[in-house]
Amino acid sequence: TLRVDIDTRSDTVQSKIRDAEMLKINYIVVIGDKEEENKTLAVRPRGGKPKFGIKIKDFVTDLEKEIIY
């Protein structure tokens, strides 16, 4: 089971990321102008550094593997 939430507040992206880290969210996915244009994601795993240019299909595949195991 996946739980997904979208933060549509008018706060800054940094503020939203900080709040998500405080809530111990496993993956923070940011979709900005560059990601939208390139059809990719910026993914920040909990406690890790952000990874940019992740293809949506690859991210979903990795999540599926993580859920199964």
PDB file of N, CA and C in Angstrom:
ATOM      1  N   THR A   1       0.833  -1.177   0.000  1.00  0.00           N
ATOM      2  CA  THR A   1       0.000   0.000   0.000  1.00  0.00           C
ATOM      3  C   THR A   1       0.876   1.238   0.000  1.00  0.00           C
ATOM      4  N   LEU A   2       0.533   2.173  -0.832  1.00  0.00           N
ATOM      5  CA  LEU A   2       1.236   3.452  -0.880  1.00  0.00           C
ATOM      6  C   LEU A   2       0.322   4.548  -0.375  1.00  0.00           C
ATOM      7  N   ARG A   3       0.906   5.473   0.361  1.00  0.00           N
ATOM      8  CA  ARG A   3       0.159   6.656   0.778  1.00  0.00           C
ATOM      9  C   ARG A   3       0.838   7.839   0.109  1.00  0.00           C
ATOM     10  N   VAL A   4       0.069   8.599  -0.626  1.00  0.00           N
ATOM     11  CA  VAL A   4       0.591   9.726  -1.391  1.00  0.00           C
ATOM     12  C   VAL A   4      -0.135  10.988  -0.943  1.00  0.00           C
ATOM     13  N   ASP A   5       0.628  12.064  -0.797  1.00  0.00           N
ATOM     14  CA  ASP A   5       0.049  13.339  -0.405  1.00  0.00           C
ATOM     15  C   ASP A   5       0.678  14.429  -1.260  1.00  0.00           C
ATOM     16  N   ILE A   6      -0.098  15.395  -1.651  1.00  0.00           N
ATOM     17  CA  ILE A   6       0.394  16.522  -2.443  1.00  0.00           C
ATOM     18  C   ILE A   6       0.300  17.770  -1.596  1.00  0.00           C
ATOM     19  N   ASP A   7       1.410  18.473  -1.492  1.00  0.00           N
ATOM     20  CA  ASP A   7       1.464  19.693  -0.695  1.00  0.00           C
ATOM     21  C   ASP A   7       1.248  20.886  -1.623  1.00  0.00           C
ATOM     22  N   THR A   8       0.054  21.450  -1.575  1.00  0.00           N
ATOM     23  CA  THR A   8      -0.287  22.565  -2.464  1.00  0.00           C
ATOM     24  C   THR A   8      -0.261  23.912  -1.755  1.00  0.00           C
ATOM     25  N   ARG A   9       0.326  23.944  -0.547  1.00  0.00           N
ATOM     26  CA  ARG A   9       0.421  25.215   0.166  1.00  0.00           C
ATOM     27  C   ARG A   9       1.259  26.205  -0.638  1.00  0.00           C
ATOM     28  N   SER A  10       1.085  27.471  -0.360  1.00  0.00           N
ATOM     29  CA  SER A  10       1.823  28.501  -1.084  1.00  0.00           C
ATOM     30  C   SER A  10       3.186  28.789  -0.443  1.00  0.00           C
ATOM     31  N   ASP A  11       3.649  27.907   0.453  1.00  0.00           N
ATOM     32  CA  ASP A  11       4.975  28.049   1.059  1.00  0.00           C
ATOM     33  C   ASP A  11       6.065  27.792   0.028  1.00  0.00           C
ATOM     34  N   THR A  12       7.303  28.084   0.419  1.00  0.00           N
ATOM     35  CA  THR A  12       8.434  27.814  -0.473  1.00  0.00           C
ATOM     36  C   THR A  12       8.679  26.311  -0.542  1.00  0.00           C
ATOM     37  N   VAL A  13       9.362  25.891  -1.589  1.00  0.00           N
ATOM     38  CA  VAL A  13       9.686  24.472  -1.750  1.00  0.00           C
ATOM     39  C   VAL A  13      10.548  24.010  -0.578  1.00  0.00           C
ATOM     40  N   GLN A  14      11.524  24.829  -0.179  1.00  0.00           N
ATOM     41  CA  GLN A  14      12.391  24.459   0.944  1.00  0.00           C
ATOM     42  C   GLN A  14      11.581  24.249   2.225  1.00  0.00           C
ATOM     43  N   SER A  15      10.601  25.087   2.453  1.00  0.00           N
ATOM     44  CA  SER A  15       9.753  24.952   3.632  1.00  0.00           C
ATOM     45  C   SER A  15       8.959  23.649   3.578  1.00  0.00           C
ATOM     46  N   LYS A  16       8.453  23.319   2.417  1.00  0.00           N
ATOM     47  CA  LYS A  16       7.690  22.084   2.254  1.00  0.00           C
ATOM     48  C   LYS A  16       8.582  20.863   2.461  1.00  0.00           C
ATOM     49  N   ILE A  17       9.811  20.914   1.939  1.00  0.00           N
ATOM     50  CA  ILE A  17      10.753  19.809   2.111  1.00  0.00           C
ATOM     51  C   ILE A  17      11.097  19.647   3.588  1.00  0.00           C
ATOM     52  N   ARG A  18      11.369  20.744   4.266  1.00  0.00           N
ATOM     53  CA  ARG A  18      11.696  20.699   5.698  1.00  0.00           C
ATOM     54  C   ARG A  18      10.539  20.076   6.487  1.00  0.00           C
ATOM     55  N   ASP A  19       9.311  20.483   6.181  1.00  0.00           N
ATOM     56  CA  ASP A  19       8.144  19.926   6.870  1.00  0.00           C
ATOM     57  C   ASP A  19       8.010  18.427   6.609  1.00  0.00           C
ATOM     58  N   ALA A  20       8.225  18.012   5.374  1.00  0.00           N
ATOM     59  CA  ALA A  20       8.126  16.593   5.031  1.00  0.00           C
ATOM     60  C   ALA A  20       9.213  15.791   5.743  1.00  0.00           C
ATOM     61  N   GLU A  21      10.411  16.354   5.870  1.00  0.00           N
ATOM     62  CA  GLU A  21      11.488  15.672   6.590  1.00  0.00           C
ATOM     63  C   GLU A  21      11.137  15.524   8.070  1.00  0.00           C
ATOM     64  N   MET A  22      10.519  16.541   8.650  1.00  0.00           N
ATOM     65  CA  MET A  22      10.118  16.472  10.060  1.00  0.00           C
ATOM     66  C   MET A  22       9.055  15.381  10.269  1.00  0.00           C
ATOM     67  N   LEU A  23       8.223  15.161   9.264  1.00  0.00           N
ATOM     68  CA  LEU A  23       7.188  14.126   9.333  1.00  0.00           C
ATOM     69  C   LEU A  23       7.732  12.744   8.980  1.00  0.00           C
ATOM     70  N   LYS A  24       9.022  12.666   8.650  1.00  0.00           N
ATOM     71  CA  LYS A  24       9.712  11.420   8.292  1.00  0.00           C
ATOM     72  C   LYS A  24       9.072  10.728   7.093  1.00  0.00           C
ATOM     73  N   ILE A  25       8.769  11.516   6.080  1.00  0.00           N
ATOM     74  CA  ILE A  25       8.230  10.993   4.826  1.00  0.00           C
ATOM     75  C   ILE A  25       9.338  10.194   4.136  1.00  0.00           C
ATOM     76  N   ASN A  26       9.013   9.004   3.630  1.00  0.00           N
ATOM     77  CA  ASN A  26      10.035   8.140   3.028  1.00  0.00           C
ATOM     78  C   ASN A  26      10.628   8.715   1.749  1.00  0.00           C
ATOM     79  N   TYR A  27       9.788   9.250   0.883  1.00  0.00           N
ATOM     80  CA  TYR A  27      10.267   9.825  -0.372  1.00  0.00           C
ATOM     81  C   TYR A  27       9.585  11.170  -0.590  1.00  0.00           C
ATOM     82  N   ILE A  28      10.389  12.175  -0.851  1.00  0.00           N
ATOM     83  CA  ILE A  28       9.854  13.480  -1.208  1.00  0.00           C
ATOM     84  C   ILE A  28      10.115  13.631  -2.704  1.00  0.00           C
ATOM     85  N   VAL A  29       9.061  13.799  -3.458  1.00  0.00           N
ATOM     86  CA  VAL A  29       9.180  13.946  -4.908  1.00  0.00           C
ATOM     87  C   VAL A  29       8.825  15.385  -5.264  1.00  0.00           C
ATOM     88  N   VAL A  30       9.751  16.050  -5.946  1.00  0.00           N
ATOM     89  CA  VAL A  30       9.524  17.433  -6.359  1.00  0.00           C
ATOM     90  C   VAL A  30       9.437  17.465  -7.880  1.00  0.00           C
ATOM     91  N   ILE A  31       8.399  18.125  -8.368  1.00  0.00           N
ATOM     92  CA  ILE A  31       8.234  18.289  -9.813  1.00  0.00           C
ATOM     93  C   ILE A  31       8.189  19.783 -10.094  1.00  0.00           C
ATOM     94  N   GLY A  32       9.292  20.302 -10.574  1.00  0.00           N
ATOM     95  CA  GLY A  32       9.382  21.711 -10.932  1.00  0.00           C
ATOM     96  C   GLY A  32       9.311  21.877 -12.443  1.00  0.00           C
ATOM     97  N   ASP A  33       9.634  23.062 -12.910  1.00  0.00           N
ATOM     98  CA  ASP A  33       9.582  23.340 -14.349  1.00  0.00           C
ATOM     99  C   ASP A  33      10.507  22.426 -15.146  1.00  0.00           C
ATOM    100  N   LYS A  34      11.736  22.236 -14.657  1.00  0.00           N
ATOM    101  CA  LYS A  34      12.698  21.381 -15.371  1.00  0.00           C
ATOM    102  C   LYS A  34      12.197  19.943 -15.446  1.00  0.00           C
ATOM    103  N   GLU A  35      11.682  19.454 -14.312  1.00  0.00           N
ATOM    104  CA  GLU A  35      11.195  18.074 -14.284  1.00  0.00           C
ATOM    105  C   GLU A  35       9.987  17.910 -15.208  1.00  0.00           C
ATOM    106  N   GLU A  36       9.107  18.880 -15.196  1.00  0.00           N
ATOM    107  CA  GLU A  36       7.933  18.815 -16.066  1.00  0.00           C
ATOM    108  C   GLU A  36       8.347  18.814 -17.532  1.00  0.00           C
ATOM    109  N   GLU A  37       9.287  19.672 -17.868  1.00  0.00           N
ATOM    110  CA  GLU A  37       9.764  19.758 -19.253  1.00  0.00           C
ATOM    111  C   GLU A  37      10.435  18.461 -19.704  1.00  0.00           C
ATOM    112  N   ASN A  38      11.231  17.863 -18.807  1.00  0.00           N
ATOM    113  CA  ASN A  38      11.979  16.653 -19.161  1.00  0.00           C
ATOM    114  C   ASN A  38      11.237  15.361 -18.835  1.00  0.00           C
ATOM    115  N   LYS A  39      10.045  15.495 -18.229  1.00  0.00           N
ATOM    116  CA  LYS A  39       9.250  14.333 -17.808  1.00  0.00           C
ATOM    117  C   LYS A  39      10.050  13.436 -16.870  1.00  0.00           C
ATOM    118  N   THR A  40      10.680  14.085 -15.877  1.00  0.00           N
ATOM    119  CA  THR A  40      11.446  13.374 -14.870  1.00  0.00           C
ATOM    120  C   THR A  40      11.010  13.836 -13.484  1.00  0.00           C
ATOM    121  N   LEU A  41      11.638  13.262 -12.462  1.00  0.00           N
ATOM    122  CA  LEU A  41      11.343  13.615 -11.077  1.00  0.00           C
ATOM    123  C   LEU A  41      12.624  13.974 -10.342  1.00  0.00           C
ATOM    124  N   ALA A  42      12.500  14.770  -9.317  1.00  0.00           N
ATOM    125  CA  ALA A  42      13.571  14.989  -8.352  1.00  0.00           C
ATOM    126  C   ALA A  42      13.122  14.244  -7.102  1.00  0.00           C
ATOM    127  N   VAL A  43      13.872  13.224  -6.704  1.00  0.00           N
ATOM    128  CA  VAL A  43      13.467  12.347  -5.607  1.00  0.00           C
ATOM    129  C   VAL A  43      14.465  12.468  -4.464  1.00  0.00           C
ATOM    130  N   ARG A  44      13.946  12.696  -3.266  1.00  0.00           N
ATOM    131  CA  ARG A  44      14.785  12.777  -2.066  1.00  0.00           C
ATOM    132  C   ARG A  44      14.333  11.667  -1.113  1.00  0.00           C
ATOM    133  N   PRO A  45      15.129  10.584  -1.005  1.00  0.00           N
ATOM    134  CA  PRO A  45      14.777   9.547  -0.031  1.00  0.00           C
ATOM    135  C   PRO A  45      15.010  10.051   1.388  1.00  0.00           C
ATOM    136  N   ARG A  46      14.277   9.530   2.337  1.00  0.00           N
ATOM    137  CA  ARG A  46      14.413   9.987   3.723  1.00  0.00           C
ATOM    138  C   ARG A  46      15.854   9.814   4.194  1.00  0.00           C
ATOM    139  N   GLY A  47      16.427  10.901   4.682  1.00  0.00           N
ATOM    140  CA  GLY A  47      17.790  10.885   5.181  1.00  0.00           C
ATOM    141  C   GLY A  47      18.857  10.913   4.105  1.00  0.00           C
ATOM    142  N   GLY A  48      18.448  11.030   2.853  1.00  0.00           N
ATOM    143  CA  GLY A  48      19.402  11.001   1.749  1.00  0.00           C
ATOM    144  C   GLY A  48      19.450  12.307   0.988  1.00  0.00           C
ATOM    145  N   LYS A  49      20.326  12.327   0.016  1.00  0.00           N
ATOM    146  CA  LYS A  49      20.464  13.507  -0.837  1.00  0.00           C
ATOM    147  C   LYS A  49      19.525  13.373  -2.031  1.00  0.00           C
ATOM    148  N   PRO A  50      19.085  14.498  -2.576  1.00  0.00           N
ATOM    149  CA  PRO A  50      18.169  14.426  -3.719  1.00  0.00           C
ATOM    150  C   PRO A  50      18.849  13.871  -4.966  1.00  0.00           C
ATOM    151  N   LYS A  51      18.065  13.153  -5.738  1.00  0.00           N
ATOM    152  CA  LYS A  51      18.519  12.614  -7.018  1.00  0.00           C
ATOM    153  C   LYS A  51      17.649  13.253  -8.091  1.00  0.00           C
ATOM    154  N   PHE A  52      18.291  13.800  -9.091  1.00  0.00           N
ATOM    155  CA  PHE A  52      17.581  14.534 -10.133  1.00  0.00           C
ATOM    156  C   PHE A  52      17.547  13.732 -11.429  1.00  0.00           C
ATOM    157  N   GLY A  53      16.555  14.029 -12.258  1.00  0.00           N
ATOM    158  CA  GLY A  53      16.469  13.400 -13.575  1.00  0.00           C
ATOM    159  C   GLY A  53      16.017  11.952 -13.533  1.00  0.00           C
ATOM    160  N   ILE A  54      15.278  11.570 -12.507  1.00  0.00           N
ATOM    161  CA  ILE A  54      14.785  10.199 -12.383  1.00  0.00           C
ATOM    162  C   ILE A  54      13.555  10.044 -13.275  1.00  0.00           C
ATOM    163  N   LYS A  55      13.599   9.057 -14.149  1.00  0.00           N
ATOM    164  CA  LYS A  55      12.447   8.809 -15.014  1.00  0.00           C
ATOM    165  C   LYS A  55      11.310   8.240 -14.171  1.00  0.00           C
ATOM    166  N   ILE A  56      10.115   8.671 -14.486  1.00  0.00           N
ATOM    167  CA  ILE A  56       8.935   8.265 -13.713  1.00  0.00           C
ATOM    168  C   ILE A  56       8.815   6.745 -13.692  1.00  0.00           C
ATOM    169  N   LYS A  57       8.985   6.123 -14.829  1.00  0.00           N
ATOM    170  CA  LYS A  57       8.868   4.664 -14.930  1.00  0.00           C
ATOM    171  C   LYS A  57       9.892   3.979 -14.023  1.00  0.00           C
ATOM    172  N   ASP A  58      11.118   4.495 -13.976  1.00  0.00           N
ATOM    173  CA  ASP A  58      12.158   3.909 -13.135  1.00  0.00           C
ATOM    174  C   ASP A  58      11.813   4.045 -11.656  1.00  0.00           C
ATOM    175  N   PHE A  59      11.281   5.192 -11.264  1.00  0.00           N
ATOM    176  CA  PHE A  59      10.901   5.403  -9.870  1.00  0.00           C
ATOM    177  C   PHE A  59       9.794   4.444  -9.465  1.00  0.00           C
ATOM    178  N   VAL A  60       8.791   4.289 -10.317  1.00  0.00           N
ATOM    179  CA  VAL A  60       7.685   3.376 -10.021  1.00  0.00           C
ATOM    180  C   VAL A  60       8.197   1.938  -9.923  1.00  0.00           C
ATOM    181  N   THR A  61       9.078   1.541 -10.818  1.00  0.00           N
ATOM    182  CA  THR A  61       9.659   0.198 -10.793  1.00  0.00           C
ATOM    183  C   THR A  61      10.407  -0.042  -9.488  1.00  0.00           C
ATOM    184  N   ASP A  62      11.207   0.929  -9.059  1.00  0.00           N
ATOM    185  CA  ASP A  62      11.952   0.804  -7.808  1.00  0.00           C
ATOM    186  C   ASP A  62      11.002   0.697  -6.607  1.00  0.00           C
ATOM    187  N   LEU A  63       9.931   1.468  -6.611  1.00  0.00           N
ATOM    188  CA  LEU A  63       8.950   1.382  -5.530  1.00  0.00           C
ATOM    189  C   LEU A  63       8.282   0.010  -5.499  1.00  0.00           C
ATOM    190  N   GLU A  64       7.946  -0.510  -6.668  1.00  0.00           N
ATOM    191  CA  GLU A  64       7.324  -1.820  -6.745  1.00  0.00           C
ATOM    192  C   GLU A  64       8.248  -2.887  -6.169  1.00  0.00           C
ATOM    193  N   LYS A  65       9.519  -2.821  -6.504  1.00  0.00           N
ATOM    194  CA  LYS A  65      10.494  -3.775  -5.973  1.00  0.00           C
ATOM    195  C   LYS A  65      10.588  -3.658  -4.460  1.00  0.00           C
ATOM    196  N   GLU A  66      10.590  -2.457  -3.946  1.00  0.00           N
ATOM    197  CA  GLU A  66      10.686  -2.224  -2.517  1.00  0.00           C
ATOM    198  C   GLU A  66       9.459  -2.765  -1.784  1.00  0.00           C
ATOM    199  N   ILE A  67       8.294  -2.630  -2.384  1.00  0.00           N
ATOM    200  CA  ILE A  67       7.062  -3.110  -1.759  1.00  0.00           C
ATOM    201  C   ILE A  67       7.031  -4.633  -1.727  1.00  0.00           C
ATOM    202  N   ILE A  68       7.474  -5.249  -2.808  1.00  0.00           N
ATOM    203  CA  ILE A  68       7.436  -6.703  -2.922  1.00  0.00           C
ATOM    204  C   ILE A  68       8.402  -7.351  -1.929  1.00  0.00           C
ATOM    205  N   TYR A  69       9.547  -6.742  -1.732  1.00  0.00           N
ATOM    206  CA  TYR A  69      10.555  -7.340  -0.850  1.00  0.00           C
ATOM    207  C   TYR A  69      10.445  -6.721   0.459  1.00  0.00           C
TER     208      TYR A  69
END
